[in-house]
Amino acid sequence: MSTKQKILDSALELFNATNTQAATTNHIAKAMGISPGNLHYHYKNREAIILKLYEQMLEESTLLVQDLPKDIVELFEHQKVMSRILWRYRFFYRELLFLLSRDPALKERYIKDNIAHRERIRITFGNLVEHGDLNIPYDNILEQLTDTIMLVLEFWNPMVETLGKDINEESFEDATTHIRGAMRPYLTKQALDALKVFKDS
């Protein structure tokens, strides 16, 4: 493993354990047993590390349009993967608005990516409608359902914290359960039958 990747892995562990303000580049270097100068040779500052971690998260989670789920089972499988990724990079969404306020370049990039993410959700819903797994009676329902999923994905972590609950891997699985609950009124019998088999497998 390269030194650059080791820095990212150490930073991710520290950011998750504390926060990005408490974990300075000096702390990251110390945890790795290297000098701050060596770390800064690879990454100019903490913001550069955060940006690279964000890009790494995107690489792990973003599907090409042609690879988006085509049916309800594929979607639920993808949601399981997403839950694990969100847990792995939990610091990012825990501090989302703060991180964007500190780094204009990250904010500009995130907004662009987030708009594209929203469109991929809409395309996925279109795939499910075409497959016969989803029945969306009105366009505004599609918009509301899309935004509900966006809200859960981006702000579930702080909501759980502000309710005084522990943040753990199970709480991220609860986010997936919430999304599925929001979708359930619009699932067809075909989808529900497929999910029974999916749960039993």
Protein backbone atom coordinates (compact mmCIF):
# COMPACT_ATOMS: atom_id res chain seq x y z
CA MET A 1 0.00 0.00 0.00
CA SER A 2 1.34 3.44 -0.93
CA THR A 3 2.11 6.11 1.66
CA LYS A 4 -0.65 8.29 0.15
CA GLN A 5 -3.23 5.57 0.72
CA LYS A 6 -1.95 4.89 4.23
CA ILE A 7 -2.42 8.58 5.02
CA LEU A 8 -6.01 8.41 3.78
CA ASP A 9 -6.74 5.28 5.80
CA SER A 10 -5.27 6.79 8.98
CA ALA A 11 -7.12 10.08 8.45
CA LEU A 12 -10.40 8.26 7.87
CA GLU A 13 -10.01 6.32 11.10
CA LEU A 14 -9.24 9.47 13.09
CA PHE A 15 -11.97 11.56 11.47
CA ASN A 16 -14.54 8.87 12.26
CA ALA A 17 -13.32 8.46 15.83
CA THR A 18 -13.27 12.20 16.62
CA ASN A 19 -13.90 14.86 13.99
CA THR A 20 -11.99 16.72 11.31
CA GLN A 21 -11.15 19.62 13.61
CA ALA A 22 -9.77 17.46 16.41
CA ALA A 23 -7.73 15.32 14.01
CA THR A 24 -5.06 17.62 12.56
CA THR A 25 -2.44 16.63 10.01
CA ASN A 26 0.00 16.38 12.93
CA HIS A 27 -2.28 13.85 14.60
CA ILE A 28 -2.54 11.86 11.38
CA ALA A 29 1.24 11.86 10.92
CA LYS A 30 1.77 10.79 14.52
CA ALA A 31 -0.70 7.93 14.17
CA MET A 32 1.24 6.73 11.13
CA GLY A 33 4.66 7.19 12.69
CA ILE A 34 5.83 9.62 9.99
CA SER A 35 6.88 13.26 10.12
CA PRO A 36 4.40 16.07 9.36
CA GLY A 37 6.73 17.08 6.53
CA ASN A 38 6.41 13.65 4.97
CA LEU A 39 2.63 13.86 5.16
CA HIS A 40 2.57 17.34 3.63
CA TYR A 41 4.72 16.11 0.79
CA HIS A 42 1.74 14.00 -0.28
CA TYR A 43 -1.15 16.23 0.84
CA LYS A 44 -0.88 19.99 1.20
CA ASN A 45 -3.34 20.22 4.07
CA ARG A 46 -6.27 18.56 5.81
CA GLU A 47 -8.71 19.87 3.21
CA ALA A 48 -6.79 18.03 0.49
CA ILE A 49 -7.10 14.81 2.48
CA ILE A 50 -10.84 15.34 3.02
CA LEU A 51 -11.36 16.01 -0.69
CA LYS A 52 -9.48 12.85 -1.62
CA LEU A 53 -11.51 10.81 0.88
CA TYR A 54 -14.68 12.25 -0.64
CA GLU A 55 -13.50 11.24 -4.12
CA GLN A 56 -12.63 7.78 -2.82
CA MET A 57 -16.12 7.46 -1.34
CA LEU A 58 -17.64 8.42 -4.69
CA GLU A 59 -15.55 5.83 -6.52
CA GLU A 60 -16.89 3.14 -4.18
CA SER A 61 -20.53 4.22 -4.30
CA THR A 62 -21.33 5.77 -7.69
CA LEU A 63 -22.87 3.58 -10.37
CA LEU A 64 -22.83 4.40 -14.07
CA VAL A 65 -26.28 5.09 -15.51
CA GLN A 66 -26.27 1.77 -17.38
CA ASP A 67 -25.47 -0.06 -14.13
CA LEU A 68 -28.26 1.46 -12.03
CA PRO A 69 -30.72 -1.03 -10.47
CA LYS A 70 -33.31 -2.30 -12.92
CA ASP A 71 -35.67 -3.91 -10.40
CA ILE A 72 -36.55 -3.76 -6.71
CA VAL A 73 -34.23 -6.60 -5.66
CA GLU A 74 -31.24 -4.97 -7.38
CA LEU A 75 -32.12 -1.71 -5.64
CA PHE A 76 -32.29 -3.31 -2.21
CA GLU A 77 -28.97 -5.06 -2.81
CA HIS A 78 -27.43 -1.72 -3.75
CA GLN A 79 -28.89 -0.12 -0.64
CA LYS A 80 -27.10 -2.72 1.50
CA VAL A 81 -23.81 -1.79 -0.17
CA MET A 82 -24.51 1.93 0.27
CA SER A 83 -25.23 1.46 3.97
CA ARG A 84 -21.78 -0.05 4.47
CA ILE A 85 -20.10 2.74 2.49
CA LEU A 86 -21.91 5.46 4.44
CA TRP A 87 -20.80 3.83 7.67
CA ARG A 88 -17.20 3.63 6.44
CA TYR A 89 -17.17 7.37 5.61
CA ARG A 90 -19.52 8.46 8.38
CA PHE A 91 -17.45 11.52 9.32
CA PHE A 92 -18.29 13.16 6.00
CA TYR A 93 -22.06 13.29 6.37
CA ARG A 94 -21.83 13.92 10.11
CA GLU A 95 -19.95 17.15 9.30
CA LEU A 96 -21.33 17.78 5.80
CA LEU A 97 -22.47 21.40 6.07
CA PHE A 98 -19.44 22.37 8.14
CA LEU A 99 -17.04 20.81 5.64
CA LEU A 100 -18.74 22.54 2.72
CA SER A 101 -18.60 25.90 4.52
CA ARG A 102 -14.85 25.55 5.06
CA ASP A 103 -13.88 24.54 1.54
CA PRO A 104 -15.49 26.35 -1.44
CA ALA A 105 -13.87 23.93 -3.90
CA LEU A 106 -15.37 20.94 -2.09
CA LYS A 107 -18.76 22.68 -1.95
CA GLU A 108 -18.75 23.39 -5.69
CA ARG A 109 -17.78 19.80 -6.44
CA TYR A 110 -20.31 18.36 -4.01
CA ILE A 111 -23.23 20.37 -5.40
CA LYS A 112 -22.42 19.20 -8.92
CA ASP A 113 -22.13 15.58 -7.79
CA ASN A 114 -25.26 15.78 -5.67
CA ILE A 115 -27.38 17.05 -8.56
CA ALA A 116 -26.11 14.13 -10.63
CA HIS A 117 -26.87 11.75 -7.75
CA ARG A 118 -30.42 13.02 -7.54
CA GLU A 119 -30.87 12.39 -11.26
CA ARG A 120 -29.56 8.82 -10.87
CA ILE A 121 -32.20 8.20 -8.21
CA ARG A 122 -34.88 9.47 -10.59
CA ILE A 123 -33.55 7.22 -13.36
CA THR A 124 -33.61 4.26 -10.99
CA PHE A 125 -37.23 4.95 -10.15
CA GLY A 126 -37.94 5.09 -13.88
CA ASN A 127 -36.31 1.68 -14.25
CA LEU A 128 -38.49 0.27 -11.47
CA VAL A 129 -41.65 1.74 -13.03
CA GLU A 130 -40.71 0.24 -16.40
CA HIS A 131 -40.04 -3.14 -14.79
CA GLY A 132 -43.43 -3.05 -13.08
CA ASP A 133 -42.10 -2.84 -9.52
CA LEU A 134 -43.14 0.71 -8.76
CA ASN A 135 -46.36 2.63 -9.34
CA ILE A 136 -45.91 6.41 -9.14
CA PRO A 137 -49.30 8.05 -9.76
CA TYR A 138 -48.14 11.67 -10.03
CA ASP A 139 -44.91 13.45 -10.97
CA ASN A 140 -44.87 15.37 -7.67
CA ILE A 141 -44.83 12.05 -5.79
CA LEU A 142 -41.71 11.08 -7.70
CA GLU A 143 -40.07 14.37 -6.75
CA GLN A 144 -41.05 14.01 -3.10
CA LEU A 145 -39.87 10.42 -2.90
CA THR A 146 -36.55 11.34 -4.54
CA ASP A 147 -35.99 14.17 -2.08
CA THR A 148 -36.96 11.97 0.88
CA ILE A 149 -34.24 9.51 -0.09
CA MET A 150 -31.73 12.34 -0.51
CA LEU A 151 -32.59 13.69 2.93
CA VAL A 152 -32.17 10.31 4.59
CA LEU A 153 -28.86 9.59 2.87
CA GLU A 154 -27.34 12.96 3.69
CA PHE A 155 -28.78 13.84 7.09
CA TRP A 156 -29.65 10.58 8.85
CA ASN A 157 -26.45 10.65 10.90
CA PRO A 158 -26.96 14.10 12.50
CA MET A 159 -30.65 13.37 13.08
CA VAL A 160 -29.78 10.24 15.06
CA GLU A 161 -27.18 12.15 17.08
CA THR A 162 -29.60 14.97 17.90
CA LEU A 163 -32.04 12.41 19.27
CA GLY A 164 -29.36 11.33 21.74
CA LYS A 165 -28.91 7.92 20.13
CA ASP A 166 -25.67 6.10 19.44
CA ILE A 167 -24.22 6.20 15.95
CA ASN A 168 -23.31 2.69 14.91
CA GLU A 169 -23.51 0.44 11.88
CA GLU A 170 -27.02 -0.66 12.82
CA SER A 171 -28.23 2.94 12.82
CA PHE A 172 -27.12 3.24 9.20
CA GLU A 173 -29.09 0.11 8.38
CA ASP A 174 -32.07 1.87 9.99
CA ALA A 175 -31.69 4.57 7.34
CA THR A 176 -32.13 1.93 4.66
CA THR A 177 -35.23 0.63 6.46
CA HIS A 178 -36.64 4.17 6.52
CA ILE A 179 -36.11 4.56 2.76
CA ARG A 180 -37.81 1.25 2.10
CA GLY A 181 -40.73 2.31 4.27
CA ALA A 182 -41.13 5.51 2.26
CA MET A 183 -41.20 3.46 -0.95
CA ARG A 184 -43.54 0.74 0.26
CA PRO A 185 -46.89 2.45 -0.57
CA TYR A 186 -45.79 2.63 -4.22
CA LEU A 187 -44.50 -0.93 -4.59
CA THR A 188 -46.56 -3.23 -6.77
CA LYS A 189 -47.60 -6.77 -5.87
CA GLN A 190 -44.90 -8.01 -8.22
CA ALA A 191 -42.27 -6.10 -6.23
CA LEU A 192 -43.59 -7.25 -2.87
CA ASP A 193 -43.59 -10.88 -4.02
CA ALA A 194 -40.00 -10.52 -5.25
CA LEU A 195 -38.97 -9.03 -1.92
CA LYS A 196 -40.44 -11.97 -0.01
CA VAL A 197 -38.15 -14.27 -1.97
CA PHE A 198 -35.26 -11.82 -1.48
CA LYS A 199 -35.71 -11.79 2.31
CA ASP A 200 -35.95 -15.58 2.48
CA SER A 201 -32.83 -16.16 0.38
